[in-house]
Amino acid sequence: MNSAEGTTQGRHVVIAGGSFAGLGAAYSVRQALPPTDRVTVVSSSAQFVFAPSLVWAALGRPLVRSTFALEPALQSKGIEFIHSHVRRVEADRRIVETDEGPIDFDRLVIATGGQPDSVTIPGLAGEFRAANWVVGEDSALEARTVLRHLIANPGPLIIGVAQGASYLSAPYELALALDLAMRKRGIREKVPMTFVTFEPYIGHLGLDHIEAHEKLERLFQERAITTYANAWIERISKTGGSVGVTVEGQGTLDAAAAIIMPPFTGVADIWKSAKLSGEDGLIPVDKQYRHIRFPDVYAVGVAARFNETIEPLGYYGKPPHTGYLSLHMGKIAGKNVAASLGHGSPSRRTLPEMVDIRVLDGGDAGLLLTSRGKNQLQMHNRARSLSGRSAHFLKKAIERYLVWRLRTGRINLP
């Protein structure tokens, strides 16, 4: 792991993180660089987990087909793997400190994801949190426990998206799936459901998705799910077995349980690395995914924040995050890293032209959503209704296909 080793064997690219964005970057840069250059993935998890399936894990579905071991998958493509936390990044010295010791790098891609913001909205996250969410395997299992208790002791349920959150579609899927689960158990009337989101309208999804709005609003109306859009959560409190979600202008909504997607900050060990992150703990990057101060450091996915307006999103900051988009962001960043080392040309675009493809699986109804565009998205957003179990089967098929591609490294350069 020392600098002499890096010199004798060529340049060393380190990717911190082994989920969609990290794997996209690792496979992309490995394909572009010669064998004499090393590529290493450092991840605190030894397993890849297909995050879009965590909603169903919260409802009791096993994750066996949604995971695979990272080390053999990466090693088969000539990528080294280190199972360890990244404890600190010394960007000036080009060193990553891990539990296994320091690693020198010539280029670093940070794809560590984030952690729920425990400060901005009191009670949403942190030591005194009163809500749950589904953003990782542990949180999905915690939400499963809460939902099982709710089924055994029916009461009002609040599902939502807090302001600043970038995972936007999972709560919609969860709301529809829970409605189905409660109906199957014959207790739906005992579980009034309310959906709260900071989005300007239901189904915006960070992409101004008018077609999704129309279809989701209809589905929620048919299922008697009360909705509050453009709703900012001020705090969440818990008294005994009751949760109170205080919404600006609406007062406090009482419930037996609340599952609300939180905003994210950078993971603590990245945040405390000197000069690396902004005040929100996220990594400020330009259109090439390159750090605005350290040209050898890149960042993608939830860990990154754009420092300028990115088309076709039309704003700077955090784009909405899905597995599809994070994977492609990683691939594009990997191509740019390789180009900075003299192999190939940088990508002409920051985002893929097909910005998003996803399935919202509500169990007995759902949507196939696509967003395409170079300059704007609104006229190129499509939402196709999927009736019966077709959404469920389509999402399972897509899951298996993408997991297979990620496990075998079969991705194309952007």
Protein backbone atom coordinates (compact mmCIF):
# COMPACT_ATOMS: atom_id res chain seq x y z
CA MET A 1 0.00 0.00 0.00
CA ASN A 2 3.02 2.32 -0.01
CA SER A 3 3.99 4.83 -2.64
CA ALA A 4 6.88 2.74 -3.94
CA GLU A 5 4.50 -0.09 -4.80
CA GLY A 6 2.27 2.36 -6.66
CA THR A 7 5.27 3.66 -8.65
CA THR A 8 6.56 0.26 -9.74
CA GLN A 9 3.14 -1.05 -10.74
CA GLY A 10 1.77 2.09 -12.38
CA ARG A 11 -0.84 4.59 -11.23
CA HIS A 12 -3.32 3.72 -8.51
CA VAL A 13 -7.02 4.60 -8.63
CA VAL A 14 -8.94 4.10 -5.40
CA ILE A 15 -12.74 3.98 -5.24
CA ALA A 16 -14.26 4.45 -1.78
CA GLY A 17 -17.63 2.70 -1.82
CA GLY A 18 -19.06 -0.48 -3.35
CA SER A 19 -22.64 0.31 -4.29
CA PHE A 20 -24.06 1.46 -7.65
CA ALA A 21 -21.91 4.58 -8.09
CA GLY A 22 -18.73 2.95 -6.76
CA LEU A 23 -19.08 -0.17 -8.92
CA GLY A 24 -19.90 1.93 -11.97
CA ALA A 25 -16.72 3.94 -11.45
CA ALA A 26 -14.58 0.87 -10.69
CA TYR A 27 -15.63 -1.14 -13.74
CA SER A 28 -15.48 1.91 -16.02
CA VAL A 29 -11.99 3.01 -15.00
CA ARG A 30 -10.68 -0.58 -15.03
CA GLN A 31 -11.90 -1.05 -18.61
CA ALA A 32 -10.20 2.16 -19.72
CA LEU A 33 -6.80 1.83 -18.00
CA PRO A 34 -3.95 -0.54 -18.93
CA PRO A 35 -3.24 -3.58 -16.69
CA THR A 36 -0.16 -1.84 -15.25
CA ASP A 37 -2.44 0.62 -13.45
CA ARG A 38 -4.11 -0.60 -10.25
CA VAL A 39 -7.76 -0.12 -9.31
CA THR A 40 -8.84 -0.74 -5.72
CA VAL A 41 -12.31 -0.62 -4.18
CA VAL A 42 -12.51 0.07 -0.43
CA SER A 43 -15.91 -0.64 1.11
CA SER A 44 -17.23 -0.90 4.65
CA SER A 45 -19.58 -3.64 3.42
CA ALA A 46 -18.42 -6.92 1.92
CA GLN A 47 -21.74 -7.25 0.09
CA PHE A 48 -23.47 -5.35 -2.67
CA VAL A 49 -27.16 -4.82 -1.85
CA PHE A 50 -29.68 -3.89 -4.53
CA ALA A 51 -31.10 -0.87 -2.73
CA PRO A 52 -34.31 -0.52 -4.81
CA SER A 53 -35.46 -3.84 -3.33
CA LEU A 54 -35.15 -2.67 0.27
CA VAL A 55 -38.77 -1.50 0.26
CA TRP A 56 -39.84 -5.11 -0.09
CA ALA A 57 -37.29 -6.20 2.49
CA ALA A 58 -39.11 -3.90 4.92
CA LEU A 59 -42.24 -5.89 4.12
CA GLY A 60 -40.58 -9.24 4.81
CA ARG A 61 -39.09 -10.33 1.49
CA PRO A 62 -35.61 -11.96 1.76
CA LEU A 63 -32.71 -10.25 -0.02
CA VAL A 64 -30.96 -13.42 -1.21
CA ARG A 65 -31.24 -12.60 -4.93
CA SER A 66 -30.50 -8.93 -4.35
CA THR A 67 -26.98 -9.28 -2.97
CA PHE A 68 -23.57 -10.65 -3.94
CA ALA A 69 -20.08 -10.71 -2.44
CA LEU A 70 -17.96 -7.84 -3.71
CA GLU A 71 -14.48 -9.37 -3.48
CA PRO A 72 -14.83 -12.25 -5.97
CA ALA A 73 -16.86 -10.11 -8.37
CA LEU A 74 -14.22 -7.37 -8.42
CA GLN A 75 -11.20 -9.65 -8.44
CA SER A 76 -12.55 -11.44 -11.53
CA LYS A 77 -12.17 -8.12 -13.35
CA GLY A 78 -8.69 -7.34 -12.03
CA ILE A 79 -9.92 -4.95 -9.34
CA GLU A 80 -8.50 -5.22 -5.83
CA PHE A 81 -10.90 -5.17 -2.89
CA ILE A 82 -10.35 -4.03 0.69
CA HIS A 83 -13.11 -4.60 3.23
CA SER A 84 -12.61 -1.62 5.50
CA HIS A 85 -13.98 1.75 6.56
CA VAL A 86 -12.41 4.85 5.08
CA ARG A 87 -11.42 6.79 8.18
CA ARG A 88 -9.92 9.91 6.68
CA VAL A 89 -8.80 11.36 3.37
CA GLU A 90 -5.67 13.49 3.24
CA ALA A 91 -6.25 15.02 -0.18
CA ASP A 92 -3.10 17.19 -0.07
CA ARG A 93 -0.93 14.09 0.44
CA ARG A 94 -3.11 11.78 -1.71
CA ILE A 95 -3.61 9.27 1.10
CA VAL A 96 -6.70 7.38 2.23
CA GLU A 97 -6.58 6.19 5.84
CA THR A 98 -8.42 2.89 6.40
CA ASP A 99 -8.71 0.34 9.21
CA GLU A 100 -6.17 -1.72 7.24
CA GLY A 101 -3.68 1.12 7.02
CA PRO A 102 -2.93 4.03 4.64
CA ILE A 103 -3.41 3.73 0.88
CA ASP A 104 -1.69 6.03 -1.60
CA PHE A 105 -3.67 7.10 -4.63
CA ASP A 106 -3.14 8.93 -7.88
CA ARG A 107 -6.89 9.39 -8.29
CA LEU A 108 -9.62 8.91 -5.69
CA VAL A 109 -13.35 8.49 -6.36
CA ILE A 110 -15.53 8.97 -3.28
CA ALA A 111 -18.78 7.00 -3.54
CA THR A 112 -19.39 6.34 0.13
CA GLY A 113 -23.02 7.44 0.12
CA GLY A 114 -24.23 9.49 3.06
CA GLN A 115 -25.83 9.33 6.46
CA PRO A 116 -29.19 10.70 7.62
CA ASP A 117 -29.00 14.32 8.68
CA SER A 118 -29.53 14.35 12.45
CA VAL A 119 -29.63 18.14 12.85
CA THR A 120 -31.86 19.87 10.30
CA ILE A 121 -35.19 18.29 11.34
CA PRO A 122 -35.40 17.51 15.08
CA GLY A 123 -36.59 13.99 15.77
CA LEU A 124 -36.13 12.65 12.25
CA ALA A 125 -32.67 11.18 12.80
CA GLY A 126 -30.05 10.98 15.50
CA GLU A 127 -30.19 9.96 19.13
CA PHE A 128 -33.80 11.09 19.72
CA ARG A 129 -35.29 10.05 16.41
CA ALA A 130 -38.98 9.24 16.36
CA ALA A 131 -39.28 8.05 12.74
CA ASN A 132 -37.96 5.25 10.56
CA TRP A 133 -36.79 5.13 6.96
CA VAL A 134 -35.64 2.66 4.32
CA VAL A 135 -32.21 3.64 2.99
CA GLY A 136 -30.06 0.61 3.79
CA GLU A 137 -30.37 -2.99 4.91
CA ASP A 138 -30.26 -2.19 8.64
CA SER A 139 -32.87 0.55 8.36
CA ALA A 140 -35.10 -1.71 6.24
CA LEU A 141 -35.02 -4.37 8.96
CA GLU A 142 -35.81 -1.77 11.62
CA ALA A 143 -38.74 -0.56 9.54
CA ARG A 144 -39.89 -4.18 9.19
CA THR A 145 -40.09 -4.49 12.97
CA VAL A 146 -42.10 -1.25 13.22
CA LEU A 147 -44.51 -2.36 10.48
CA ARG A 148 -45.03 -5.77 12.06
CA HIS A 149 -45.97 -4.02 15.30
CA LEU A 150 -48.33 -1.75 13.35
CA ILE A 151 -50.04 -4.77 11.77
CA ALA A 152 -50.47 -6.35 15.19
CA ASN A 153 -51.66 -3.03 16.67
CA PRO A 154 -53.33 -1.07 13.82
CA GLY A 155 -53.27 2.71 13.88
CA PRO A 156 -52.57 5.74 11.66
CA LEU A 157 -49.46 5.62 9.47
CA ILE A 158 -47.51 8.53 7.98
CA ILE A 159 -45.18 7.94 5.04
CA GLY A 160 -43.21 10.71 3.43
CA VAL A 161 -40.21 12.55 2.08
CA ALA A 162 -38.51 15.24 4.16
CA GLN A 163 -37.13 18.37 2.54
CA GLY A 164 -33.64 17.87 1.20
CA ALA A 165 -34.05 14.12 0.67
CA SER A 166 -32.69 12.72 -2.60
CA TYR A 167 -34.20 9.20 -2.48
CA LEU A 168 -37.70 10.09 -3.61
CA SER A 169 -39.42 7.08 -5.19
CA ALA A 170 -39.17 4.51 -2.39
CA PRO A 171 -41.84 6.12 -0.16
CA TYR A 172 -44.36 6.05 -3.02
CA GLU A 173 -43.69 2.38 -3.58
CA LEU A 174 -43.90 1.68 0.14
CA ALA A 175 -47.22 3.50 0.48
CA LEU A 176 -48.82 1.47 -2.32
CA ALA A 177 -47.34 -1.80 -1.09
CA LEU A 178 -48.46 -1.20 2.48
CA ASP A 179 -51.96 -0.34 1.32
CA LEU A 180 -52.07 -3.73 -0.41
CA ALA A 181 -50.64 -5.54 2.62
CA MET A 182 -53.21 -3.97 4.95
CA ARG A 183 -56.07 -4.76 2.57
CA LYS A 184 -54.99 -8.39 2.35
CA ARG A 185 -55.08 -8.61 6.14
CA GLY A 186 -58.47 -6.92 6.31
CA ILE A 187 -57.21 -4.09 8.52
CA ARG A 188 -56.84 -1.25 6.01
CA GLU A 189 -59.72 0.75 7.56
CA LYS A 190 -57.90 0.62 10.89
CA VAL A 191 -54.72 2.07 9.34
CA PRO A 192 -55.44 5.55 7.94
CA MET A 193 -52.53 6.46 5.66
CA THR A 194 -51.10 9.92 5.05
CA PHE A 195 -48.35 10.79 2.55
CA VAL A 196 -46.28 13.93 3.21
CA THR A 197 -43.69 15.31 0.79
CA PHE A 198 -41.74 18.52 0.28
CA GLU A 199 -42.06 18.11 -3.50
CA PRO A 200 -44.16 20.80 -5.22
CA TYR A 201 -46.62 18.09 -6.18
CA ILE A 202 -47.11 14.37 -5.70
CA GLY A 203 -44.88 12.45 -8.12
CA HIS A 204 -42.48 15.28 -8.95
CA LEU A 205 -39.59 12.90 -8.08
CA GLY A 206 -37.03 15.67 -8.53
CA LEU A 207 -37.57 15.46 -12.29
CA ASP A 208 -40.72 17.55 -12.78
CA HIS A 209 -42.54 14.36 -13.72
CA ILE A 210 -46.05 15.54 -14.69
CA GLU A 211 -47.17 12.12 -15.98
CA ALA A 212 -46.08 10.42 -12.75
CA HIS A 213 -47.98 13.10 -10.82
CA GLU A 214 -51.23 12.41 -12.61
CA LYS A 215 -51.03 8.64 -12.23
CA LEU A 216 -49.77 8.59 -8.65
CA GLU A 217 -52.36 11.11 -7.53
CA ARG A 218 -55.06 8.91 -9.04
CA LEU A 219 -53.68 5.78 -7.38
CA PHE A 220 -53.52 7.49 -4.00
CA GLN A 221 -57.06 8.79 -4.33
CA GLU A 222 -58.35 5.33 -5.26
CA ARG A 223 -56.63 3.89 -2.19
CA ALA A 224 -57.79 6.65 0.18
CA ILE A 225 -54.24 7.79 0.96
CA THR A 226 -54.34 11.40 2.14
CA THR A 227 -51.61 13.56 0.59
CA TYR A 228 -49.80 16.76 1.54
CA ALA A 229 -47.44 18.18 -1.10
CA ASN A 230 -45.12 21.18 -0.72
CA ALA A 231 -45.14 20.25 2.97
CA TRP A 232 -42.09 21.05 5.09
CA ILE A 233 -41.58 18.97 8.19
CA GLU A 234 -40.57 21.07 11.20
CA ARG A 235 -40.01 18.28 13.72
CA ILE A 236 -41.00 14.75 14.67
CA SER A 237 -41.74 13.77 18.26
CA LYS A 238 -42.69 10.62 20.08
CA THR A 239 -44.82 10.30 23.20
CA GLY A 240 -45.44 6.80 24.45
CA GLY A 241 -46.63 4.81 21.44
CA SER A 242 -47.63 7.86 19.38
CA VAL A 243 -45.59 9.75 16.78
CA GLY A 244 -46.27 13.40 15.95
CA VAL A 245 -45.14 14.87 12.63
CA THR A 246 -45.34 18.66 12.70
CA VAL A 247 -45.81 20.12 9.22
CA GLU A 248 -45.47 23.82 8.51
CA GLY A 249 -48.94 25.31 8.08
CA GLN A 250 -50.70 22.02 8.89
CA GLY A 251 -49.98 21.54 12.58
CA THR A 252 -49.06 18.17 14.06
CA LEU A 253 -50.21 14.95 12.39
CA ASP A 254 -50.50 12.09 14.89
CA ALA A 255 -49.75 8.49 13.99
CA ALA A 256 -48.82 5.12 15.39
CA ALA A 257 -45.76 5.05 13.13
CA ALA A 258 -43.91 7.27 10.64
CA ILE A 259 -41.59 6.19 7.84
CA ILE A 260 -40.01 9.27 6.29
CA MET A 261 -37.04 9.49 3.94
CA PRO A 262 -34.45 11.86 5.46
CA PRO A 263 -32.02 14.33 3.91
CA PHE A 264 -28.41 13.20 3.90
CA THR A 265 -25.09 14.57 5.00
CA GLY A 266 -21.71 13.10 4.23
CA VAL A 267 -20.53 10.12 6.26
CA ALA A 268 -18.71 11.25 9.37
CA ASP A 269 -15.23 10.05 8.42
CA ILE A 270 -15.36 11.91 5.10
CA TRP A 271 -16.90 15.00 6.70
CA LYS A 272 -14.04 15.38 9.17
CA SER A 273 -11.38 15.13 6.43
CA ALA A 274 -9.82 18.58 6.18
CA LYS A 275 -11.05 20.84 3.35
CA LEU A 276 -12.75 17.94 1.58
CA SER A 277 -16.46 18.57 2.12
CA GLY A 278 -18.79 21.55 2.34
CA GLU A 279 -20.79 22.61 5.38
CA ASP A 280 -23.34 19.86 4.66
CA GLY A 281 -20.65 17.16 4.66
CA LEU A 282 -21.03 16.51 0.92
CA ILE A 283 -18.22 16.72 -1.62
CA PRO A 284 -18.44 19.77 -3.93
CA VAL A 285 -17.74 18.72 -7.52
CA ASP A 286 -17.80 20.26 -10.99
CA LYS A 287 -19.42 18.89 -14.13
CA GLN A 288 -16.64 16.31 -14.48
CA TYR A 289 -17.32 15.00 -10.94
CA ARG A 290 -13.95 16.45 -9.96
CA HIS A 291 -13.47 18.13 -6.58
CA ILE A 292 -13.48 21.91 -6.93
CA ARG A 293 -10.21 22.23 -4.96
CA PHE A 294 -8.42 18.88 -5.32
CA PRO A 295 -8.06 17.81 -8.98
CA ASP A 296 -7.08 14.24 -8.06
CA VAL A 297 -10.30 13.64 -6.09
CA TYR A 298 -13.69 12.86 -7.63
CA ALA A 299 -17.05 12.13 -6.01
CA VAL A 300 -20.31 10.58 -7.22
CA GLY A 301 -23.69 9.51 -5.92
CA VAL A 302 -25.16 10.64 -2.62
CA ALA A 303 -21.72 11.74 -1.37
CA ALA A 304 -21.44 14.48 -4.02
CA ARG A 305 -22.99 17.89 -4.54
CA PHE A 306 -22.70 19.73 -7.85
CA ASN A 307 -21.19 23.19 -7.57
CA GLU A 308 -22.91 24.44 -10.72
CA THR A 309 -26.12 24.00 -12.70
CA ILE A 310 -26.36 20.62 -14.42
CA GLU A 311 -28.54 20.11 -17.49
CA PRO A 312 -31.12 18.77 -17.98
CA LEU A 313 -31.93 19.05 -14.27
CA GLY A 314 -31.78 22.83 -14.43
CA TYR A 315 -30.36 23.35 -10.94
CA TYR A 316 -27.21 22.71 -8.98
CA GLY A 317 -26.85 20.61 -5.84
CA LYS A 318 -28.10 17.08 -5.25
CA PRO A 319 -29.92 15.36 -8.10
CA PRO A 320 -32.56 12.75 -7.24
CA HIS A 321 -30.82 9.42 -6.72
CA THR A 322 -31.83 6.06 -8.11
CA GLY A 323 -29.70 3.00 -8.70
CA TYR A 324 -29.86 3.57 -12.45
CA LEU A 325 -28.69 7.19 -12.27
CA SER A 326 -26.03 6.51 -9.62
CA LEU A 327 -24.58 3.68 -11.72
CA HIS A 328 -24.33 5.92 -14.78
CA MET A 329 -22.89 8.80 -12.79
CA GLY A 330 -20.21 6.40 -11.57
CA LYS A 331 -19.49 5.18 -15.09
CA ILE A 332 -19.12 8.71 -16.40
CA ALA A 333 -16.86 9.69 -13.49
CA GLY A 334 -14.72 6.60 -14.14
CA LYS A 335 -14.33 7.59 -17.77
CA ASN A 336 -13.28 11.08 -16.72
CA VAL A 337 -10.74 9.68 -14.24
CA ALA A 338 -9.19 7.51 -16.94
CA ALA A 339 -9.04 10.48 -19.32
CA SER A 340 -7.23 12.53 -16.66
CA LEU A 341 -4.59 9.79 -16.63
CA GLY A 342 -4.17 9.92 -20.41
CA HIS A 343 -6.51 7.13 -21.52
CA GLY A 344 -9.49 8.17 -23.61
CA SER A 345 -11.46 11.38 -23.68
CA PRO A 346 -13.64 12.78 -20.90
CA SER A 347 -17.38 12.39 -21.23
CA ARG A 348 -19.12 15.20 -23.08
CA ARG A 349 -22.07 15.01 -20.69
CA THR A 350 -22.40 15.02 -16.92
CA LEU A 351 -25.54 12.87 -16.95
CA PRO A 352 -26.65 10.20 -19.41
CA GLU A 353 -29.25 11.24 -21.98
CA MET A 354 -31.57 8.64 -20.47
CA VAL A 355 -31.54 10.19 -17.02
CA ASP A 356 -33.75 7.66 -15.30
CA ILE A 357 -35.55 4.35 -15.69
CA ARG A 358 -37.39 2.88 -12.74
CA VAL A 359 -40.35 0.73 -11.77
CA LEU A 360 -42.63 1.71 -8.90
CA ASP A 361 -43.95 -1.62 -7.65
CA GLY A 362 -47.05 -1.35 -5.52
CA GLY A 363 -47.75 -5.08 -5.51
CA ASP A 364 -51.06 -4.97 -7.42
CA ALA A 365 -50.36 -1.77 -9.39
CA GLY A 366 -47.38 0.26 -10.41
CA LEU A 367 -45.66 2.52 -12.91
CA LEU A 368 -42.81 2.27 -15.39
CA LEU A 369 -41.10 5.68 -15.33
CA THR A 370 -38.57 7.07 -17.79
CA SER A 371 -36.90 10.47 -18.05
CA ARG A 372 -34.85 11.46 -21.08
CA GLY A 373 -33.36 14.74 -22.21
CA LYS A 374 -30.31 16.82 -23.01
CA ASN A 375 -31.63 20.26 -22.08
CA GLN A 376 -34.95 19.69 -20.32
CA LEU A 377 -36.94 16.76 -18.97
CA GLN A 378 -40.56 17.81 -18.58
CA MET A 379 -41.53 17.08 -22.20
CA HIS A 380 -39.63 13.78 -22.15
CA ASN A 381 -40.93 12.21 -18.94
CA ARG A 382 -43.11 9.16 -19.44
CA ALA A 383 -45.18 7.15 -16.94
CA ARG A 384 -46.80 3.91 -18.08
CA SER A 385 -49.36 2.30 -15.78
CA LEU A 386 -48.73 -1.34 -14.91
CA SER A 387 -51.76 -3.26 -13.72
CA GLY A 388 -52.05 -6.33 -11.52
CA ARG A 389 -48.77 -8.06 -10.70
CA SER A 390 -46.97 -6.90 -13.86
CA ALA A 391 -45.06 -4.15 -12.01
CA HIS A 392 -43.90 -6.67 -9.41
CA PHE A 393 -42.70 -9.18 -12.01
CA LEU A 394 -41.04 -6.49 -14.12
CA LYS A 395 -39.15 -5.06 -11.14
CA LYS A 396 -37.96 -8.53 -10.10
CA ALA A 397 -36.75 -9.19 -13.65
CA ILE A 398 -34.90 -5.86 -13.79
CA GLU A 399 -33.40 -6.52 -10.37
CA ARG A 400 -32.02 -9.91 -11.37
CA TYR A 401 -30.67 -8.54 -14.65
CA LEU A 402 -28.92 -5.56 -13.06
CA VAL A 403 -27.52 -7.61 -10.18
CA TRP A 404 -26.12 -10.06 -12.73
CA ARG A 405 -24.54 -7.23 -14.74
CA LEU A 406 -23.00 -5.66 -11.66
CA ARG A 407 -21.74 -8.99 -10.33
CA THR A 408 -20.11 -9.89 -13.65
CA GLY A 409 -18.93 -6.38 -14.55
CA ARG A 410 -20.88 -6.34 -17.79
CA ILE A 411 -21.38 -2.61 -18.13
CA ASN A 412 -20.71 -0.47 -21.18
CA LEU A 413 -18.72 2.70 -21.08
CA PRO A 414 -20.91 5.84 -21.29
